[in-house]
Amino acid sequence: MSLILLEQLFHKSLLSPEQQAELRKWFQGASDGQIKEALEILSRHPAWIPKLYKNVQQKGKILATQDAAAWQALLADEFSEITSQDS
């Protein structure tokens, strides 16, 4: 049920149907608790959905190349983004 609600949020976003499908694939292996947590956050901050999609795309490319330095840089960017949102 939570995955369906998350998909509905994706549908309301600015993502194309193809991008929505790609993002949905990333959540299919998640636990119900993880999906509920994402649903809660993205419901409060729907503008983060395109940012999440971009992040997932970057992670996929980095995993494909196994570039540890790029992975660390992305994690640093994520941390910076998250902590700036808290301020």
Protein backbone atom coordinates (compact mmCIF):
# COMPACT_ATOMS: atom_id res chain seq x y z
CA MET A 1 0.00 0.00 0.00
CA SER A 2 2.80 2.42 0.91
CA LEU A 3 4.52 1.82 -2.42
CA ILE A 4 1.31 2.75 -4.23
CA LEU A 5 1.09 6.01 -2.26
CA LEU A 6 4.74 6.73 -3.05
CA GLU A 7 4.05 6.11 -6.74
CA GLN A 8 1.17 8.58 -6.57
CA LEU A 9 3.57 11.20 -5.21
CA PHE A 10 5.96 10.49 -8.07
CA HIS A 11 3.08 10.91 -10.51
CA LYS A 12 2.40 14.41 -9.15
CA SER A 13 6.05 15.39 -9.52
CA LEU A 14 7.75 16.97 -12.52
CA LEU A 15 9.37 13.64 -13.44
CA SER A 16 8.56 12.04 -16.77
CA PRO A 17 6.75 8.68 -16.69
CA GLU A 18 10.06 6.98 -17.55
CA GLN A 19 11.84 8.74 -14.68
CA GLN A 20 9.02 7.81 -12.32
CA ALA A 21 9.37 4.15 -13.34
CA GLU A 22 13.14 4.25 -12.75
CA LEU A 23 12.69 5.78 -9.30
CA ARG A 24 9.97 3.27 -8.45
CA LYS A 25 12.42 0.42 -9.23
CA TRP A 26 14.79 1.75 -6.58
CA PHE A 27 12.07 1.41 -3.95
CA GLN A 28 10.82 -2.05 -4.92
CA GLY A 29 13.46 -3.77 -2.80
CA ALA A 30 12.86 -1.50 0.20
CA SER A 31 11.08 -2.65 3.33
CA ASP A 32 7.63 -1.31 4.11
CA GLY A 33 9.14 0.75 6.93
CA GLN A 34 11.66 2.34 4.58
CA ILE A 35 8.95 3.13 2.06
CA LYS A 36 6.74 4.65 4.77
CA GLU A 37 9.64 6.83 5.92
CA ALA A 38 10.31 8.01 2.35
CA LEU A 39 6.59 8.63 1.88
CA GLU A 40 6.43 10.73 5.02
CA ILE A 41 9.44 12.85 4.02
CA LEU A 42 8.47 13.26 0.37
CA SER A 43 4.88 14.10 1.30
CA ARG A 44 6.20 17.03 3.35
CA HIS A 45 8.81 17.98 0.74
CA PRO A 46 7.55 17.01 -2.75
CA ALA A 47 10.13 19.31 -4.36
CA TRP A 48 12.75 16.81 -3.21
CA ILE A 49 11.46 14.12 -5.60
CA PRO A 50 13.41 15.41 -8.65
CA LYS A 51 16.48 15.81 -6.39
CA LEU A 52 16.05 12.23 -5.22
CA TYR A 53 15.80 11.04 -8.81
CA LYS A 54 19.01 12.90 -9.73
CA ASN A 55 20.75 11.40 -6.71
CA VAL A 56 19.63 7.87 -7.60
CA GLN A 57 20.87 8.37 -11.17
CA GLN A 58 24.24 9.54 -9.91
CA LYS A 59 24.53 6.57 -7.56
CA GLY A 60 23.72 4.15 -10.36
CA LYS A 61 26.45 5.61 -12.57
CA ILE A 62 28.98 5.59 -9.76
CA LEU A 63 28.16 2.00 -8.81
CA ALA A 64 28.59 0.97 -12.44
CA THR A 65 32.08 2.47 -12.56
CA GLN A 66 32.98 1.55 -8.95
CA ASP A 67 34.56 4.97 -8.51
CA ALA A 68 35.20 5.23 -4.77
CA ALA A 69 36.26 8.90 -4.94
CA ALA A 70 33.06 9.85 -6.79
CA TRP A 71 31.03 7.88 -4.22
CA GLN A 72 32.68 9.77 -1.35
CA ALA A 73 32.08 13.09 -3.11
CA LEU A 74 28.41 12.24 -3.60
CA LEU A 75 28.04 11.30 0.07
CA ALA A 76 29.65 14.61 1.05
CA ASP A 77 27.20 16.44 -1.24
CA GLU A 78 24.29 14.52 0.31
CA PHE A 79 25.44 15.42 3.81
CA SER A 80 25.78 19.07 2.84
CA GLU A 81 22.30 19.09 1.29
CA ILE A 82 20.70 17.41 4.28
CA THR A 83 22.36 19.61 6.87
CA SER A 84 21.53 22.78 4.94
CA GLN A 85 17.85 21.70 4.93
CA ASP A 86 17.92 21.42 8.72
CA SER A 87 19.08 25.03 9.13
